[in-house]
C-alpha atoms as a PDB file:
ATOM      1  CA  UNK A   1      22.322  79.571  38.590  1.00  0.00           C
ATOM      2  CA  UNK A   2      19.004  77.915  37.774  1.00  0.00           C
ATOM      3  CA  UNK A   3      18.426  80.402  34.972  1.00  0.00           C
ATOM      4  CA  UNK A   4      21.736  79.480  33.392  1.00  0.00           C
ATOM      5  CA  UNK A   5      20.885  75.719  33.488  1.00  0.00           C
ATOM      6  CA  UNK A   6      17.448  76.383  31.983  1.00  0.00           C
ATOM      7  CA  UNK A   7      18.988  78.484  29.231  1.00  0.00           C
ATOM      8  CA  UNK A   8      21.582  75.803  28.462  1.00  0.00           C
ATOM      9  CA  UNK A   9      18.973  73.002  28.352  1.00  0.00           C
ATOM     10  CA  UNK A  10      16.749  75.172  26.168  1.00  0.00           C
ATOM     11  CA  UNK A  11      19.630  75.861  23.867  1.00  0.00           C
ATOM     12  CA  UNK A  12      20.378  72.107  23.537  1.00  0.00           C
ATOM     13  CA  UNK A  13      16.881  71.290  22.279  1.00  0.00           C
ATOM     14  CA  UNK A  14      16.586  71.671  18.525  1.00  0.00           C
ATOM     15  CA  UNK A  15      14.353  74.357  17.159  1.00  0.00           C
ATOM     16  CA  UNK A  16      12.340  73.821  14.035  1.00  0.00           C
ATOM     17  CA  UNK A  17      14.290  74.767  10.973  1.00  0.00           C
ATOM     18  CA  UNK A  18      17.621  74.484  12.816  1.00  0.00           C
ATOM     19  CA  UNK A  19      20.221  72.167  11.366  1.00  0.00           C
ATOM     20  CA  UNK A  20      21.555  69.365  13.552  1.00  0.00           C
ATOM     21  CA  UNK A  21      25.122  68.191  13.606  1.00  0.00           C
ATOM     22  CA  UNK A  22      26.034  64.693  12.453  1.00  0.00           C
ATOM     23  CA  UNK A  23      26.541  63.538  16.040  1.00  0.00           C
ATOM     24  CA  UNK A  24      23.130  64.789  17.109  1.00  0.00           C
ATOM     25  CA  UNK A  25      21.502  63.204  14.036  1.00  0.00           C
ATOM     26  CA  UNK A  26      23.223  59.900  14.856  1.00  0.00           C
ATOM     27  CA  UNK A  27      21.947  60.112  18.423  1.00  0.00           C
ATOM     28  CA  UNK A  28      18.400  60.864  17.224  1.00  0.00           C
ATOM     29  CA  UNK A  29      18.553  57.916  14.834  1.00  0.00           C
ATOM     30  CA  UNK A  30      19.701  55.617  17.662  1.00  0.00           C
ATOM     31  CA  UNK A  31      16.773  56.774  19.796  1.00  0.00           C
ATOM     32  CA  UNK A  32      14.387  56.139  16.916  1.00  0.00           C
ATOM     33  CA  UNK A  33      15.811  52.645  16.390  1.00  0.00           C
ATOM     34  CA  UNK A  34      15.534  51.908  20.137  1.00  0.00           C
ATOM     35  CA  UNK A  35      11.916  53.046  20.050  1.00  0.00           C
ATOM     36  CA  UNK A  36      11.199  50.837  17.022  1.00  0.00           C
ATOM     37  CA  UNK A  37      12.956  47.905  18.729  1.00  0.00           C
ATOM     38  CA  UNK A  38      10.783  48.402  21.812  1.00  0.00           C
ATOM     39  CA  UNK A  39       7.633  48.405  19.682  1.00  0.00           C
ATOM     40  CA  UNK A  40       8.830  45.267  17.882  1.00  0.00           C
ATOM     41  CA  UNK A  41       9.614  43.582  21.197  1.00  0.00           C
ATOM     42  CA  UNK A  42       6.177  44.485  22.570  1.00  0.00           C
ATOM     43  CA  UNK A  43       4.504  43.150  19.434  1.00  0.00           C
ATOM     44  CA  UNK A  44       6.548  39.917  19.668  1.00  0.00           C
ATOM     45  CA  UNK A  45       5.584  39.478  23.307  1.00  0.00           C
ATOM     46  CA  UNK A  46       1.914  40.080  22.458  1.00  0.00           C
ATOM     47  CA  UNK A  47       2.094  37.453  19.708  1.00  0.00           C
ATOM     48  CA  UNK A  48       3.745  34.983  22.115  1.00  0.00           C
ATOM     49  CA  UNK A  49       1.052  35.663  24.713  1.00  0.00           C
ATOM     50  CA  UNK A  50      -1.676  35.103  22.090  1.00  0.00           C
ATOM     51  CA  UNK A  51      -0.001  31.875  20.969  1.00  0.00           C
ATOM     52  CA  UNK A  52       0.162  30.663  24.570  1.00  0.00           C
ATOM     53  CA  UNK A  53      -3.510  31.543  25.091  1.00  0.00           C
ATOM     54  CA  UNK A  54      -4.458  29.730  21.877  1.00  0.00           C
ATOM     55  CA  UNK A  55      -2.495  26.665  22.991  1.00  0.00           C
ATOM     56  CA  UNK A  56      -4.227  26.697  26.386  1.00  0.00           C
ATOM     57  CA  UNK A  57      -7.649  26.949  24.708  1.00  0.00           C
ATOM     58  CA  UNK A  58      -6.761  24.124  22.312  1.00  0.00           C
ATOM     59  CA  UNK A  59      -5.573  21.928  25.193  1.00  0.00           C
ATOM     60  CA  UNK A  60      -8.734  22.744  27.173  1.00  0.00           C
ATOM     61  CA  UNK A  61     -11.025  21.831  24.286  1.00  0.00           C
ATOM     62  CA  UNK A  62      -9.085  18.660  23.514  1.00  0.00           C
ATOM     63  CA  UNK A  63      -9.296  17.520  27.143  1.00  0.00           C
ATOM     64  CA  UNK A  64     -13.023  18.299  27.151  1.00  0.00           C
ATOM     65  CA  UNK A  65     -13.491  16.262  23.967  1.00  0.00           C
ATOM     66  CA  UNK A  66     -11.500  13.391  25.474  1.00  0.00           C
ATOM     67  CA  UNK A  67     -13.681  13.449  28.598  1.00  0.00           C
ATOM     68  CA  UNK A  68     -16.861  13.528  26.505  1.00  0.00           C
ATOM     69  CA  UNK A  69     -15.619  10.609  24.401  1.00  0.00           C
ATOM     70  CA  UNK A  70     -14.737   8.652  27.527  1.00  0.00           C
ATOM     71  CA  UNK A  71     -18.166   9.438  29.021  1.00  0.00           C
ATOM     72  CA  UNK A  72     -19.928   8.284  25.850  1.00  0.00           C
ATOM     73  CA  UNK A  73     -17.970   5.026  25.792  1.00  0.00           C
ATOM     74  CA  UNK A  74     -18.953   4.423  29.432  1.00  0.00           C
ATOM     75  CA  UNK A  75     -22.596   5.098  28.511  1.00  0.00           C
ATOM     76  CA  UNK A  76     -22.366   2.574  25.686  1.00  0.00           C
ATOM     77  CA  UNK A  77     -20.923  -0.042  28.055  1.00  0.00           C
ATOM     78  CA  UNK A  78     -23.738   0.531  30.560  1.00  0.00           C
ATOM     79  CA  UNK A  79     -26.371   0.392  27.804  1.00  0.00           C
ATOM     80  CA  UNK A  80     -24.934  -2.887  26.493  1.00  0.00           C
ATOM     81  CA  UNK A  81     -25.016  -4.402  29.972  1.00  0.00           C
ATOM     82  CA  UNK A  82     -28.616  -3.265  30.479  1.00  0.00           C
ATOM     83  CA  UNK A  83     -29.685  -4.654  27.118  1.00  0.00           C
ATOM     84  CA  UNK A  84     -27.937  -7.992  27.694  1.00  0.00           C
ATOM     85  CA  UNK A  85     -29.343  -8.259  31.228  1.00  0.00           C
ATOM     86  CA  UNK A  86     -32.865  -7.311  30.154  1.00  0.00           C
ATOM     87  CA  UNK A  87     -32.740  -9.718  27.225  1.00  0.00           C
ATOM     88  CA  UNK A  88     -31.531 -12.561  29.454  1.00  0.00           C
ATOM     89  CA  UNK A  89     -34.294 -11.793  31.986  1.00  0.00           C
ATOM     90  CA  UNK A  90     -37.004 -11.751  29.292  1.00  0.00           C
ATOM     91  CA  UNK A  91     -35.670 -14.954  27.753  1.00  0.00           C
ATOM     92  CA  UNK A  92     -35.733 -16.626  31.176  1.00  0.00           C
ATOM     93  CA  UNK A  93     -39.354 -15.506  31.751  1.00  0.00           C
ATOM     94  CA  UNK A  94     -40.423 -16.781  28.318  1.00  0.00           C
ATOM     95  CA  UNK A  95     -38.674 -20.112  28.856  1.00  0.00           C
ATOM     96  CA  UNK A  96     -40.294 -20.399  32.298  1.00  0.00           C
ATOM     97  CA  UNK A  97     -43.762 -19.699  30.889  1.00  0.00           C
ATOM     98  CA  UNK A  98     -43.294 -22.177  28.048  1.00  0.00           C
ATOM     99  CA  UNK A  99     -42.040 -24.835  30.463  1.00  0.00           C
ATOM    100  CA  UNK A 100     -45.045 -24.159  32.702  1.00  0.00           C
ATOM    101  CA  UNK A 101     -47.354 -24.468  29.669  1.00  0.00           C
ATOM    102  CA  UNK A 102     -45.997 -27.776  28.432  1.00  0.00           C
ATOM    103  CA  UNK A 103     -44.560 -29.483  31.502  1.00  0.00           C
ATOM    104  CA  UNK A 104     -46.496 -27.956  34.425  1.00  0.00           C
ATOM    105  CA  UNK A 105     -49.692 -28.972  36.145  1.00  0.00           C
ATOM    106  CA  UNK A 106     -53.114 -28.040  34.823  1.00  0.00           C
ATOM    107  CA  UNK A 107     -53.325 -24.783  36.846  1.00  0.00           C
ATOM    108  CA  UNK A 108     -49.737 -23.812  35.911  1.00  0.00           C
ATOM    109  CA  UNK A 109     -50.458 -24.412  32.237  1.00  0.00           C
ATOM    110  CA  UNK A 110     -53.612 -22.289  32.448  1.00  0.00           C
ATOM    111  CA  UNK A 111     -51.777 -19.459  34.276  1.00  0.00           C
ATOM    112  CA  UNK A 112     -48.879 -19.555  31.771  1.00  0.00           C
ATOM    113  CA  UNK A 113     -51.332 -19.524  28.874  1.00  0.00           C
ATOM    114  CA  UNK A 114     -53.114 -16.460  30.253  1.00  0.00           C
ATOM    115  CA  UNK A 115     -49.802 -14.651  30.914  1.00  0.00           C
ATOM    116  CA  UNK A 116     -48.506 -15.409  27.404  1.00  0.00           C
ATOM    117  CA  UNK A 117     -51.783 -14.220  25.877  1.00  0.00           C
ATOM    118  CA  UNK A 118     -51.716 -10.948  27.843  1.00  0.00           C
ATOM    119  CA  UNK A 119     -48.006 -10.425  27.022  1.00  0.00           C
ATOM    120  CA  UNK A 120     -48.611 -10.915  23.311  1.00  0.00           C
ATOM    121  CA  UNK A 121     -51.556  -8.493  23.445  1.00  0.00           C
ATOM    122  CA  UNK A 122     -49.399  -5.905  25.285  1.00  0.00           C
ATOM    123  CA  UNK A 123     -46.554  -6.309  22.806  1.00  0.00           C
ATOM    124  CA  UNK A 124     -49.003  -5.861  19.937  1.00  0.00           C
ATOM    125  CA  UNK A 125     -50.279  -2.656  21.495  1.00  0.00           C
ATOM    126  CA  UNK A 126     -46.750  -1.354  22.003  1.00  0.00           C
ATOM    127  CA  UNK A 127     -45.912  -2.241  18.387  1.00  0.00           C
ATOM    128  CA  UNK A 128     -48.934  -0.340  17.078  1.00  0.00           C
ATOM    129  CA  UNK A 129     -48.018   2.679  19.233  1.00  0.00           C
ATOM    130  CA  UNK A 130     -44.373   2.649  18.046  1.00  0.00           C
ATOM    131  CA  UNK A 131     -45.466   2.246  14.424  1.00  0.00           C
ATOM    132  CA  UNK A 132     -47.853   5.213  14.692  1.00  0.00           C
ATOM    133  CA  UNK A 133     -45.242   7.339  16.448  1.00  0.00           C
ATOM    134  CA  UNK A 134     -42.626   6.554  13.804  1.00  0.00           C
ATOM    135  CA  UNK A 135     -45.014   7.274  10.937  1.00  0.00           C
ATOM    136  CA  UNK A 136     -46.107  10.577  12.499  1.00  0.00           C
ATOM    137  CA  UNK A 137     -42.521  11.682  13.067  1.00  0.00           C
ATOM    138  CA  UNK A 138     -41.632  10.812   9.458  1.00  0.00           C
ATOM    139  CA  UNK A 139     -44.558  12.864   8.208  1.00  0.00           C
ATOM    140  CA  UNK A 140     -43.901  15.929  10.364  1.00  0.00           C
ATOM    141  CA  UNK A 141     -40.092  15.982  10.293  1.00  0.00           C
ATOM    142  CA  UNK A 142     -38.502  17.820   7.340  1.00  0.00           C
ATOM    143  CA  UNK A 143     -36.229  15.673   5.199  1.00  0.00           C
ATOM    144  CA  UNK A 144     -32.606  15.803   6.269  1.00  0.00           C
ATOM    145  CA  UNK A 145     -29.968  16.703   3.744  1.00  0.00           C
END
């Protein structure tokens, strides 16, 4: 019985050079179309998956850029507050020293005079250092385009 089934299934498979009937050709064409449809569907799904991955990467990078921008704006706010606070403190010290020089007692005026002289000398030294550093960096740095 098994031999008969094997012979029948073997006889159903086309042999090279054998002509197929119209019904068999139609069935083969349907199978080919189904196979092509499956390949097309797989390709479409792969494209959709790539598009989704690209969208996720775009969203990730945009959120990272937004966070970096927010962080930089916070840094600018902190820097402004530090600059304003430091400037106010220095202005208060200068006003205090000038008031001590002109309206204070003899010892206060002498102390304020010495402090102002030392401060001006220190600022001059810092200015010379910054000037030299800037000139050296201009000389050694290649010109930017």
